[in-house]
Amino acid sequence: LQPGAFRNSTADVENRDILLWVAGTPNNLVRMMLFNNIIDVSQGRGAGTVPPGEKGRIIVHVAGRDVQQQKGPPPPAQMVREMTHAQLCPVPPAENSNAGTKRLFDVVLAGCLPIVVAFPTHWGSEVSW
């Protein structure tokens, strides 16, 4: 998504009707667990549930890498519209730091509160971000 796409974002906090929004590919164990847990919560399963009376819904766009899962991401205009109406947006680590940083900037530009998912690792700086 391009920064200019967010320029006319007018959704204020009171009008954000999406509680949590995330899109991506579950291409590693951490991302797969994150997506599966969010999907479980959105369907009323798993460890957590959305508190009664909490405003919003949970939207998860998952694109797979094999033929059976390949849906592809939604169009950019739809992603911008959803992100600008979301309250919380998980930002999992990406396969490369540029992609993760870009996702973080997209979320911030949309006015969505980023939930940065980081974990210890033995590579590089020893942190996933």
Protein backbone atom coordinates (compact mmCIF):
# COMPACT_ATOMS: atom_id res chain seq x y z
CA LEU A 1 0.00 0.00 0.00
CA GLN A 2 1.21 3.50 -0.74
CA PRO A 3 1.26 6.26 1.91
CA GLY A 4 -0.95 8.47 -0.27
CA ALA A 5 -3.74 5.90 0.04
CA PHE A 6 -4.16 6.86 3.69
CA ARG A 7 -4.15 10.63 3.13
CA ASN A 8 -7.92 11.03 3.24
CA SER A 9 -8.54 8.67 6.12
CA THR A 10 -11.44 10.16 8.09
CA ALA A 11 -12.35 7.27 10.38
CA ASP A 12 -11.99 8.52 13.93
CA VAL A 13 -11.77 6.30 16.99
CA GLU A 14 -15.52 6.39 17.68
CA ASN A 15 -16.32 5.19 14.16
CA ARG A 16 -13.87 2.29 14.05
CA ASP A 17 -16.15 -0.74 13.78
CA ILE A 18 -13.41 -3.37 13.34
CA LEU A 19 -11.86 -4.50 16.62
CA LEU A 20 -8.88 -6.34 15.11
CA TRP A 21 -7.56 -6.58 11.53
CA VAL A 22 -4.66 -8.60 10.11
CA ALA A 23 -3.64 -9.83 6.66
CA GLY A 24 -0.69 -11.92 5.57
CA THR A 25 0.78 -15.28 4.81
CA PRO A 26 1.34 -17.86 7.59
CA ASN A 27 4.78 -18.71 6.20
CA ASN A 28 6.49 -19.55 9.48
CA LEU A 29 5.49 -21.15 12.77
CA VAL A 30 5.00 -17.90 14.71
CA ARG A 31 2.81 -16.34 12.02
CA MET A 32 0.82 -19.58 11.62
CA MET A 33 0.16 -19.75 15.37
CA LEU A 34 -0.82 -16.06 15.44
CA PHE A 35 -3.29 -16.41 12.56
CA ASN A 36 -4.78 -19.64 13.96
CA ASN A 37 -5.27 -18.09 17.42
CA ILE A 38 -6.90 -14.95 16.01
CA ILE A 39 -9.22 -17.06 13.84
CA ASP A 40 -10.15 -19.23 16.85
CA VAL A 41 -11.00 -16.15 18.95
CA SER A 42 -13.05 -14.65 16.09
CA GLN A 43 -15.07 -17.88 15.93
CA GLY A 44 -15.58 -18.10 19.70
CA ARG A 45 -13.04 -20.88 20.23
CA GLY A 46 -9.70 -20.96 21.95
CA ALA A 47 -8.27 -19.30 25.03
CA GLY A 48 -9.68 -15.82 24.47
CA THR A 49 -12.99 -14.34 23.52
CA VAL A 50 -14.10 -10.86 22.62
CA PRO A 51 -15.57 -9.29 25.78
CA PRO A 52 -19.36 -8.89 25.74
CA GLY A 53 -20.37 -5.48 24.47
CA GLU A 54 -16.97 -4.84 22.86
CA LYS A 55 -17.50 -2.87 19.69
CA GLY A 56 -16.13 -4.42 16.54
CA ARG A 57 -15.45 -7.55 14.62
CA ILE A 58 -12.30 -9.44 13.78
CA ILE A 59 -11.11 -9.62 10.18
CA VAL A 60 -8.33 -12.00 9.12
CA HIS A 61 -7.10 -12.26 5.52
CA VAL A 62 -4.85 -15.29 5.10
CA ALA A 63 -3.11 -16.01 1.80
CA GLY A 64 -1.55 -19.46 1.45
CA ARG A 65 1.37 -20.62 -0.60
CA ASP A 66 -0.09 -23.87 -1.93
CA VAL A 67 -2.75 -24.28 -4.59
CA GLN A 68 -5.57 -25.19 -2.19
CA GLN A 69 -5.09 -22.10 0.02
CA GLN A 70 -4.24 -19.56 -2.67
CA LYS A 71 -6.85 -16.85 -2.41
CA GLY A 72 -4.63 -13.85 -2.70
CA PRO A 73 -4.95 -10.67 -0.68
CA PRO A 74 -7.96 -8.40 -0.99
CA PRO A 75 -7.62 -5.40 -3.34
CA PRO A 76 -5.52 -2.54 -1.88
CA ALA A 77 -8.53 -0.22 -1.63
CA GLN A 78 -10.36 -2.77 0.53
CA MET A 79 -7.30 -3.26 2.74
CA VAL A 80 -6.98 0.50 3.29
CA ARG A 81 -10.71 0.82 4.03
CA GLU A 82 -10.58 -2.00 6.58
CA MET A 83 -7.33 -0.82 8.22
CA THR A 84 -8.68 2.71 8.64
CA HIS A 85 -11.73 1.26 10.43
CA ALA A 86 -9.75 -1.09 12.69
CA GLN A 87 -8.81 -0.40 16.30
CA LEU A 88 -6.03 -3.00 16.68
CA CYS A 89 -3.68 -4.39 14.01
CA PRO A 90 -1.17 -7.16 14.82
CA VAL A 91 2.19 -6.64 13.11
CA PRO A 92 3.98 -10.00 13.04
CA PRO A 93 7.63 -10.22 11.98
CA ALA A 94 8.14 -10.72 8.25
CA GLU A 95 10.62 -12.81 6.30
CA ASN A 96 12.69 -9.68 5.77
CA SER A 97 12.94 -6.55 7.87
CA ASN A 98 11.76 -4.23 5.06
CA ALA A 99 8.42 -6.01 4.76
CA GLY A 100 7.87 -5.92 8.54
CA THR A 101 8.75 -2.24 8.74
CA LYS A 102 6.42 -1.44 5.83
CA ARG A 103 3.53 -3.26 7.53
CA LEU A 104 4.19 -1.26 10.70
CA PHE A 105 4.12 2.02 8.75
CA ASP A 106 0.90 0.99 6.93
CA VAL A 107 -0.79 0.28 10.26
CA VAL A 108 0.35 3.56 11.83
CA LEU A 109 -0.68 5.58 8.77
CA ALA A 110 -4.12 3.96 8.93
CA GLY A 111 -4.49 5.14 12.52
CA CYS A 112 -4.72 1.57 13.80
CA LEU A 113 -2.95 0.73 17.06
CA PRO A 114 -0.12 -1.67 16.12
CA ILE A 115 0.40 -4.82 18.16
CA VAL A 116 4.05 -5.65 17.47
CA VAL A 117 4.69 -9.38 17.73
CA ALA A 118 8.34 -10.08 18.57
CA PHE A 119 10.11 -13.11 19.97
CA PRO A 120 13.67 -14.16 20.87
CA THR A 121 15.72 -15.80 18.12
CA HIS A 122 19.27 -17.01 17.61
CA TRP A 123 19.71 -15.05 14.37
CA GLY A 124 21.06 -11.56 13.84
CA SER A 125 20.19 -9.25 16.72
CA GLU A 126 18.56 -12.14 18.61
CA VAL A 127 15.13 -10.49 18.36
CA SER A 128 12.66 -11.17 15.55
CA TRP A 129 12.34 -7.48 14.70
